[in-house]
Amino acid sequence: MKEYLYKQLSIAPNSKLTNLSRVIYIFILLSIITIVLESEPSISFGNESTFLTINYIFGFIFLIEYICRLYAVGLNPEYSGFAGRIKYIFSFYAIIDLISFAPFLLIPTASESFLLRVFRVLRLFSLLKTSKHATGLILIGNVIRDKLYELMFAIMLTFGIIFISAVCLYLAEGEIQPEAFGSIPRSLWWATVTLTTIGYGDMVPVTAIGKILTILITVASIGIVAIPTGILAAGFSEALSELKKGKDK
């Protein structure tokens, strides 16, 4: 029984997706749909008891899964014995498992307190359980890890340009529009939405210097968006090439 659960729950390292794991992922998807529907007042109003019952059902399903995983994980040499199981409890996927069912069982009423709403949202973390078998997510994670240095440099460069832009607009527009550019933190909002090409239009420079700076900053924003995009594109290209070479072999 333990060996069957060990294989079916995909506990083993580099394990493949099993039928039981697929069923669990379907329950995860259904639980997420329930969260989305429950957040809409026109749907949840008058159906509180129904959603509460559904929450308990999902909670007990994920609780049973958690207990089965805790029982079978001992076959993994890394988590064998009592100390190994304690180590597993604090592992990443075990914490995700715990978050998957604990909030269900901690919502005994239809109360809308902030804490209970937070618990409901925490159930969304159960989606992370699928990442173990999501090839695309694994590929993204590998690319980010391989290109972490370049991405960190691009992020630091971006924040540096945003800060310099905010300081320049503060000096150029601060006295004319103190409510919008009267401080560097206020100018940071404008610099951020401009450099990320969002541009809400709620803060607009009116001085000649401010407009010239805006033109330069807008042109710079093209590069700000392109740098991390290019880094990730190169990373994906390299990863896909290596993956293709591995399949050809």
Protein backbone atom coordinates (compact mmCIF):
# COMPACT_ATOMS: atom_id res chain seq x y z
CA MET A 1 0.00 0.00 0.00
CA LYS A 2 2.79 2.38 0.94
CA GLU A 3 4.68 1.66 -2.29
CA TYR A 4 1.50 2.17 -4.32
CA LEU A 5 0.86 5.58 -2.72
CA TYR A 6 4.52 6.49 -3.11
CA LYS A 7 4.32 5.93 -6.86
CA GLN A 8 0.79 7.24 -7.47
CA LEU A 9 1.30 10.47 -5.50
CA SER A 10 4.45 11.20 -7.53
CA ILE A 11 6.57 11.57 -4.40
CA ALA A 12 9.70 10.03 -5.89
CA PRO A 13 12.26 12.45 -7.39
CA ASN A 14 11.71 13.05 -11.13
CA SER A 15 8.52 10.99 -10.97
CA LYS A 16 6.03 11.01 -13.82
CA LEU A 17 2.47 12.24 -13.67
CA THR A 18 0.20 9.39 -12.54
CA ASN A 19 -3.57 8.91 -12.81
CA LEU A 20 -4.04 9.65 -9.10
CA SER A 21 -2.01 12.85 -9.45
CA ARG A 22 -4.22 13.88 -12.38
CA VAL A 23 -7.33 13.39 -10.24
CA ILE A 24 -5.80 15.50 -7.46
CA TYR A 25 -4.96 18.25 -9.96
CA ILE A 26 -8.57 18.19 -11.18
CA PHE A 27 -9.72 18.72 -7.58
CA ILE A 28 -7.25 21.61 -7.29
CA LEU A 29 -8.71 23.18 -10.43
CA LEU A 30 -12.27 22.74 -9.13
CA SER A 31 -11.32 24.28 -5.79
CA ILE A 32 -9.85 27.32 -7.57
CA ILE A 33 -13.04 27.70 -9.61
CA THR A 34 -14.99 27.58 -6.33
CA ILE A 35 -12.85 30.39 -4.90
CA VAL A 36 -13.48 32.53 -7.98
CA LEU A 37 -17.24 31.96 -7.91
CA GLU A 38 -17.42 32.52 -4.15
CA SER A 39 -15.79 35.94 -4.51
CA GLU A 40 -18.71 37.17 -6.66
CA PRO A 41 -21.46 38.50 -4.32
CA SER A 42 -24.25 37.91 -6.84
CA ILE A 43 -23.33 34.19 -6.89
CA SER A 44 -22.35 33.61 -3.26
CA PHE A 45 -25.27 35.55 -1.71
CA GLY A 46 -27.87 33.08 -0.50
CA ASN A 47 -25.58 30.13 -1.26
CA GLU A 48 -23.25 30.45 1.71
CA SER A 49 -24.10 27.00 3.08
CA THR A 50 -23.50 25.39 -0.32
CA PHE A 51 -20.06 26.96 -0.66
CA LEU A 52 -19.29 26.07 2.95
CA THR A 53 -20.11 22.42 2.27
CA ILE A 54 -18.00 22.41 -0.89
CA ASN A 55 -15.13 23.98 1.05
CA TYR A 56 -15.29 21.22 3.66
CA ILE A 57 -15.35 18.52 0.97
CA PHE A 58 -12.24 19.91 -0.72
CA GLY A 59 -10.62 20.40 2.68
CA PHE A 60 -11.05 16.76 3.67
CA ILE A 61 -9.91 15.51 0.25
CA PHE A 62 -6.67 17.49 0.50
CA LEU A 63 -6.29 16.49 4.16
CA ILE A 64 -6.46 12.79 3.21
CA GLU A 65 -3.94 13.42 0.43
CA TYR A 66 -1.60 15.14 2.91
CA ILE A 67 -1.84 12.23 5.37
CA CYS A 68 -1.18 9.71 2.58
CA ARG A 69 1.86 11.66 1.43
CA LEU A 70 3.17 11.87 4.99
CA TYR A 71 2.67 8.10 5.33
CA ALA A 72 4.33 7.13 2.05
CA VAL A 73 7.16 9.66 1.96
CA GLY A 74 9.22 7.45 4.28
CA LEU A 75 10.18 5.34 1.24
CA ASN A 76 12.22 8.27 0.03
CA PRO A 77 15.67 7.90 1.67
CA GLU A 78 15.82 11.65 2.19
CA TYR A 79 12.67 11.59 4.34
CA SER A 80 12.91 8.18 6.01
CA GLY A 81 12.29 7.83 9.74
CA PHE A 82 10.72 10.28 12.15
CA ALA A 83 13.34 12.99 11.58
CA GLY A 84 12.92 12.59 7.83
CA ARG A 85 9.18 13.10 8.03
CA ILE A 86 9.68 16.23 10.13
CA LYS A 87 12.04 17.46 7.43
CA TYR A 88 9.39 16.70 4.79
CA ILE A 89 6.71 18.61 6.70
CA PHE A 90 8.80 21.77 6.33
CA SER A 91 9.70 21.15 2.68
CA PHE A 92 8.31 23.39 -0.06
CA TYR A 93 5.72 21.01 -1.51
CA ALA A 94 4.58 19.82 1.93
CA ILE A 95 3.90 23.41 2.97
CA ILE A 96 1.94 23.89 -0.26
CA ASP A 97 -0.04 20.74 0.61
CA LEU A 98 -0.76 22.14 4.07
CA ILE A 99 -1.93 25.46 2.65
CA SER A 100 -4.16 23.53 0.23
CA PHE A 101 -6.39 22.11 2.94
CA ALA A 102 -5.83 24.11 6.14
CA PRO A 103 -7.75 27.24 5.03
CA PHE A 104 -10.73 25.06 4.04
CA LEU A 105 -11.01 23.71 7.57
CA LEU A 106 -10.37 27.11 9.16
CA ILE A 107 -13.47 28.74 7.64
CA PRO A 108 -16.32 27.54 9.86
CA THR A 109 -18.66 30.45 9.15
CA ALA A 110 -19.58 32.85 6.38
CA SER A 111 -17.82 35.67 8.20
CA GLU A 112 -16.14 38.19 5.91
CA SER A 113 -13.34 39.26 8.21
CA PHE A 114 -10.06 40.26 6.62
CA LEU A 115 -8.28 37.24 8.11
CA LEU A 116 -10.74 34.76 6.61
CA ARG A 117 -10.51 36.44 3.20
CA VAL A 118 -6.74 36.05 3.40
CA PHE A 119 -7.20 32.34 4.20
CA ARG A 120 -9.42 31.95 1.15
CA VAL A 121 -6.83 33.58 -1.10
CA LEU A 122 -4.11 31.33 0.35
CA ARG A 123 -5.92 28.39 -1.21
CA LEU A 124 -4.75 29.69 -4.59
CA PHE A 125 -1.27 28.51 -3.61
CA SER A 126 -2.46 24.97 -4.21
CA LEU A 127 -1.84 25.70 -7.90
CA LEU A 128 1.88 25.53 -7.12
CA LYS A 129 1.47 21.81 -6.52
CA THR A 130 1.09 21.32 -10.27
CA SER A 131 4.44 23.00 -10.98
CA LYS A 132 6.28 19.74 -10.30
CA HIS A 133 4.89 18.28 -13.52
CA ALA A 134 4.45 21.50 -15.53
CA THR A 135 7.22 21.31 -18.11
CA GLY A 136 6.69 24.92 -19.15
CA LEU A 137 7.00 26.21 -15.59
CA ILE A 138 10.11 24.10 -15.02
CA LEU A 139 11.61 25.54 -18.20
CA ILE A 140 10.81 29.10 -17.07
CA GLY A 141 12.39 28.42 -13.69
CA ASN A 142 15.54 27.01 -15.30
CA VAL A 143 15.86 29.99 -17.65
CA ILE A 144 15.44 32.50 -14.81
CA ARG A 145 18.03 30.63 -12.75
CA ASP A 146 20.52 30.51 -15.62
CA LYS A 147 20.02 34.18 -16.51
CA LEU A 148 19.66 35.44 -12.94
CA TYR A 149 22.82 37.59 -13.03
CA GLU A 150 21.80 39.32 -16.26
CA LEU A 151 18.24 39.82 -15.02
CA MET A 152 19.45 41.28 -11.71
CA PHE A 153 21.67 43.70 -13.63
CA ALA A 154 18.71 44.72 -15.83
CA ILE A 155 16.49 45.21 -12.77
CA MET A 156 19.12 47.32 -11.00
CA LEU A 157 19.59 49.39 -14.16
CA THR A 158 15.83 49.88 -14.42
CA PHE A 159 15.49 51.06 -10.81
CA GLY A 160 18.49 53.35 -11.30
CA ILE A 161 16.96 55.02 -14.37
CA ILE A 162 13.57 55.31 -12.63
CA PHE A 163 15.18 57.02 -9.64
CA ILE A 164 17.24 59.42 -11.78
CA SER A 165 14.14 60.26 -13.83
CA ALA A 166 12.14 60.96 -10.67
CA VAL A 167 14.85 63.28 -9.35
CA CYS A 168 15.04 65.16 -12.67
CA LEU A 169 11.26 65.68 -12.81
CA TYR A 170 11.24 66.72 -9.16
CA LEU A 171 13.78 69.45 -9.94
CA ALA A 172 12.04 70.51 -13.17
CA GLU A 173 8.39 70.38 -12.06
CA GLY A 174 8.44 70.44 -8.25
CA GLU A 175 7.79 74.16 -7.82
CA ILE A 176 5.24 74.37 -10.65
CA GLN A 177 3.25 71.24 -9.68
CA PRO A 178 3.98 70.54 -6.00
CA GLU A 179 0.93 68.28 -5.68
CA ALA A 180 2.27 65.98 -8.42
CA PHE A 181 6.06 66.44 -8.40
CA GLY A 182 6.60 68.17 -5.05
CA SER A 183 8.78 65.35 -3.72
CA ILE A 184 10.94 62.55 -5.07
CA PRO A 185 8.52 59.83 -3.86
CA ARG A 186 5.68 61.55 -5.76
CA SER A 187 7.83 61.82 -8.85
CA LEU A 188 8.73 58.13 -8.54
CA TRP A 189 5.13 57.22 -9.36
CA TRP A 190 5.27 59.22 -12.59
CA ALA A 191 8.71 57.84 -13.52
CA THR A 192 7.58 54.25 -12.91
CA VAL A 193 4.41 54.40 -15.02
CA THR A 194 6.25 56.30 -17.78
CA LEU A 195 9.29 54.02 -17.99
CA THR A 196 7.11 50.91 -17.95
CA THR A 197 5.16 52.42 -20.89
CA ILE A 198 1.90 52.40 -18.90
CA GLY A 199 1.42 56.18 -18.83
CA TYR A 200 -1.86 56.77 -16.98
CA GLY A 201 -1.78 60.49 -17.78
CA ASP A 202 -2.69 61.55 -14.24
CA MET A 203 0.62 63.46 -13.90
CA VAL A 204 1.86 65.47 -16.89
CA PRO A 205 4.90 67.81 -17.06
CA VAL A 206 4.06 71.36 -18.14
CA THR A 207 7.47 73.07 -18.27
CA ALA A 208 9.72 72.99 -21.32
CA ILE A 209 12.49 71.21 -19.42
CA GLY A 210 9.99 68.73 -18.03
CA LYS A 211 8.65 67.93 -21.50
CA ILE A 212 12.15 67.48 -22.93
CA LEU A 213 13.02 65.14 -20.06
CA THR A 214 9.80 63.24 -20.68
CA ILE A 215 10.75 62.68 -24.33
CA LEU A 216 14.17 61.34 -23.32
CA ILE A 217 12.70 59.16 -20.58
CA THR A 218 10.03 57.79 -22.93
CA VAL A 219 12.69 56.83 -25.48
CA ALA A 220 14.73 55.20 -22.69
CA SER A 221 11.67 53.22 -21.62
CA ILE A 222 11.79 51.28 -24.90
CA GLY A 223 15.18 49.92 -23.95
CA ILE A 224 14.11 49.29 -20.35
CA VAL A 225 11.38 46.93 -21.54
CA ALA A 226 13.53 45.38 -24.27
CA ILE A 227 16.54 44.45 -22.10
CA PRO A 228 14.88 41.84 -19.79
CA THR A 229 12.72 40.65 -22.68
CA GLY A 230 15.82 40.03 -24.79
CA ILE A 231 17.60 38.27 -21.92
CA LEU A 232 14.68 35.91 -21.36
CA ALA A 233 14.21 35.33 -25.10
CA ALA A 234 17.89 34.36 -25.43
CA GLY A 235 17.57 32.09 -22.40
CA PHE A 236 14.52 30.32 -23.81
CA SER A 237 16.22 29.92 -27.18
CA GLU A 238 19.26 28.30 -25.54
CA ALA A 239 17.09 26.06 -23.31
CA LEU A 240 14.94 24.89 -26.23
CA SER A 241 18.04 24.18 -28.32
CA GLU A 242 19.52 22.05 -25.54
CA LEU A 243 16.18 20.28 -25.10
CA LYS A 244 16.02 19.52 -28.81
CA LYS A 245 19.60 18.21 -28.81
CA GLY A 246 18.75 15.95 -25.88
CA LYS A 247 15.77 14.48 -27.74
CA ASP A 248 17.83 13.92 -30.90
CA LYS A 249 20.33 11.90 -28.89
